[in-house]
C-alpha atoms as a PDB file:
ATOM      1  CA  UNK A   1     -92.318 -18.195  73.638  1.00  0.00           C
ATOM      2  CA  UNK A   2     -90.910 -21.510  72.443  1.00  0.00           C
ATOM      3  CA  UNK A   3     -87.188 -22.066  72.621  1.00  0.00           C
ATOM      4  CA  UNK A   4     -85.397 -22.058  69.262  1.00  0.00           C
ATOM      5  CA  UNK A   5     -84.044 -25.470  68.243  1.00  0.00           C
ATOM      6  CA  UNK A   6     -80.343 -25.914  67.578  1.00  0.00           C
ATOM      7  CA  UNK A   7     -81.021 -26.508  63.870  1.00  0.00           C
ATOM      8  CA  UNK A   8     -83.186 -23.384  63.613  1.00  0.00           C
ATOM      9  CA  UNK A   9     -80.544 -21.331  65.409  1.00  0.00           C
ATOM     10  CA  UNK A  10     -77.832 -22.631  63.072  1.00  0.00           C
ATOM     11  CA  UNK A  11     -79.957 -21.801  60.022  1.00  0.00           C
ATOM     12  CA  UNK A  12     -80.579 -18.282  61.355  1.00  0.00           C
ATOM     13  CA  UNK A  13     -76.872 -17.776  62.060  1.00  0.00           C
ATOM     14  CA  UNK A  14     -75.997 -18.900  58.529  1.00  0.00           C
ATOM     15  CA  UNK A  15     -78.554 -16.471  57.071  1.00  0.00           C
ATOM     16  CA  UNK A  16     -77.106 -13.609  59.098  1.00  0.00           C
ATOM     17  CA  UNK A  17     -73.537 -14.484  58.088  1.00  0.00           C
ATOM     18  CA  UNK A  18     -74.531 -14.699  54.417  1.00  0.00           C
ATOM     19  CA  UNK A  19     -76.258 -11.311  54.601  1.00  0.00           C
ATOM     20  CA  UNK A  20     -73.225  -9.745  56.276  1.00  0.00           C
ATOM     21  CA  UNK A  21     -70.910 -11.225  53.625  1.00  0.00           C
ATOM     22  CA  UNK A  22     -73.093  -9.763  50.851  1.00  0.00           C
ATOM     23  CA  UNK A  23     -73.346  -6.375  52.550  1.00  0.00           C
ATOM     24  CA  UNK A  24     -69.659  -6.117  53.476  1.00  0.00           C
ATOM     25  CA  UNK A  25     -67.779  -8.261  50.928  1.00  0.00           C
ATOM     26  CA  UNK A  26     -64.386  -6.659  51.567  1.00  0.00           C
ATOM     27  CA  UNK A  27     -64.615  -6.368  55.354  1.00  0.00           C
ATOM     28  CA  UNK A  28     -61.385  -6.952  57.213  1.00  0.00           C
ATOM     29  CA  UNK A  29     -59.750  -5.972  60.464  1.00  0.00           C
ATOM     30  CA  UNK A  30     -57.408  -2.987  60.272  1.00  0.00           C
ATOM     31  CA  UNK A  31     -55.456  -4.145  63.310  1.00  0.00           C
ATOM     32  CA  UNK A  32     -52.217  -6.080  62.833  1.00  0.00           C
ATOM     33  CA  UNK A  33     -52.091  -9.289  64.877  1.00  0.00           C
ATOM     34  CA  UNK A  34     -50.881 -12.869  64.569  1.00  0.00           C
ATOM     35  CA  UNK A  35     -52.777 -14.646  67.360  1.00  0.00           C
ATOM     36  CA  UNK A  36     -55.881 -14.225  69.539  1.00  0.00           C
ATOM     37  CA  UNK A  37     -53.958 -12.609  72.414  1.00  0.00           C
ATOM     38  CA  UNK A  38     -52.544  -9.939  70.111  1.00  0.00           C
ATOM     39  CA  UNK A  39     -56.001  -9.295  68.656  1.00  0.00           C
ATOM     40  CA  UNK A  40     -57.460  -8.927  72.153  1.00  0.00           C
ATOM     41  CA  UNK A  41     -54.788  -6.459  73.251  1.00  0.00           C
ATOM     42  CA  UNK A  42     -54.944  -4.486  70.003  1.00  0.00           C
ATOM     43  CA  UNK A  43     -58.742  -4.290  70.280  1.00  0.00           C
ATOM     44  CA  UNK A  44     -58.544  -2.996  73.847  1.00  0.00           C
ATOM     45  CA  UNK A  45     -55.996  -0.375  72.816  1.00  0.00           C
ATOM     46  CA  UNK A  46     -58.039   0.648  69.778  1.00  0.00           C
ATOM     47  CA  UNK A  47     -60.815   1.838  72.088  1.00  0.00           C
ATOM     48  CA  UNK A  48     -58.469   4.629  73.176  1.00  0.00           C
ATOM     49  CA  UNK A  49     -56.929   5.704  69.844  1.00  0.00           C
ATOM     50  CA  UNK A  50     -56.901   4.983  66.124  1.00  0.00           C
ATOM     51  CA  UNK A  51     -56.136   1.568  64.658  1.00  0.00           C
ATOM     52  CA  UNK A  52     -53.210   3.149  62.806  1.00  0.00           C
ATOM     53  CA  UNK A  53     -51.665   4.308  66.093  1.00  0.00           C
ATOM     54  CA  UNK A  54     -52.350   0.932  67.715  1.00  0.00           C
ATOM     55  CA  UNK A  55     -50.492  -0.825  64.886  1.00  0.00           C
ATOM     56  CA  UNK A  56     -47.477   1.436  65.431  1.00  0.00           C
ATOM     57  CA  UNK A  57     -47.411   0.733  69.163  1.00  0.00           C
ATOM     58  CA  UNK A  58     -48.155  -2.988  69.074  1.00  0.00           C
ATOM     59  CA  UNK A  59     -45.337  -3.796  66.657  1.00  0.00           C
ATOM     60  CA  UNK A  60     -42.788  -3.263  69.445  1.00  0.00           C
ATOM     61  CA  UNK A  61     -45.140  -4.223  72.265  1.00  0.00           C
ATOM     62  CA  UNK A  62     -45.715  -7.726  70.905  1.00  0.00           C
ATOM     63  CA  UNK A  63     -41.959  -8.238  70.430  1.00  0.00           C
ATOM     64  CA  UNK A  64     -41.266  -7.260  74.035  1.00  0.00           C
ATOM     65  CA  UNK A  65     -44.221  -9.204  75.485  1.00  0.00           C
ATOM     66  CA  UNK A  66     -44.864 -12.204  73.209  1.00  0.00           C
ATOM     67  CA  UNK A  67     -47.094 -14.160  75.608  1.00  0.00           C
ATOM     68  CA  UNK A  68     -49.840 -13.667  78.166  1.00  0.00           C
ATOM     69  CA  UNK A  69     -47.334 -14.659  80.849  1.00  0.00           C
ATOM     70  CA  UNK A  70     -45.017 -11.871  79.707  1.00  0.00           C
ATOM     71  CA  UNK A  71     -47.849  -9.339  79.931  1.00  0.00           C
ATOM     72  CA  UNK A  72     -48.884 -10.650  83.363  1.00  0.00           C
ATOM     73  CA  UNK A  73     -45.339 -10.304  84.678  1.00  0.00           C
ATOM     74  CA  UNK A  74     -44.749  -6.853  83.220  1.00  0.00           C
ATOM     75  CA  UNK A  75     -44.333  -3.804  85.409  1.00  0.00           C
ATOM     76  CA  UNK A  76     -47.586  -1.836  84.910  1.00  0.00           C
ATOM     77  CA  UNK A  77     -45.769   1.503  84.819  1.00  0.00           C
ATOM     78  CA  UNK A  78     -43.371   0.244  82.149  1.00  0.00           C
ATOM     79  CA  UNK A  79     -46.220  -1.330  80.199  1.00  0.00           C
ATOM     80  CA  UNK A  80     -48.114   1.972  80.131  1.00  0.00           C
ATOM     81  CA  UNK A  81     -45.128   3.683  78.522  1.00  0.00           C
END
């Protein structure tokens, strides 16, 4: 099977994105976040409970641990609370 050219791949991606936009015109993320790190953490947490509960928890969590360095230095037991 021949390898897809970069232009063909880009055209296919654009078709898929257009179809998704037509199918789900009002799609949005239910998680509250303000940067990629917060989105990553909220997404991981949302695998264990509802997005509504995640939003309640992350409001304080992101204030206490505003950066990846803060999360890395956190006591795991305290973080789990």
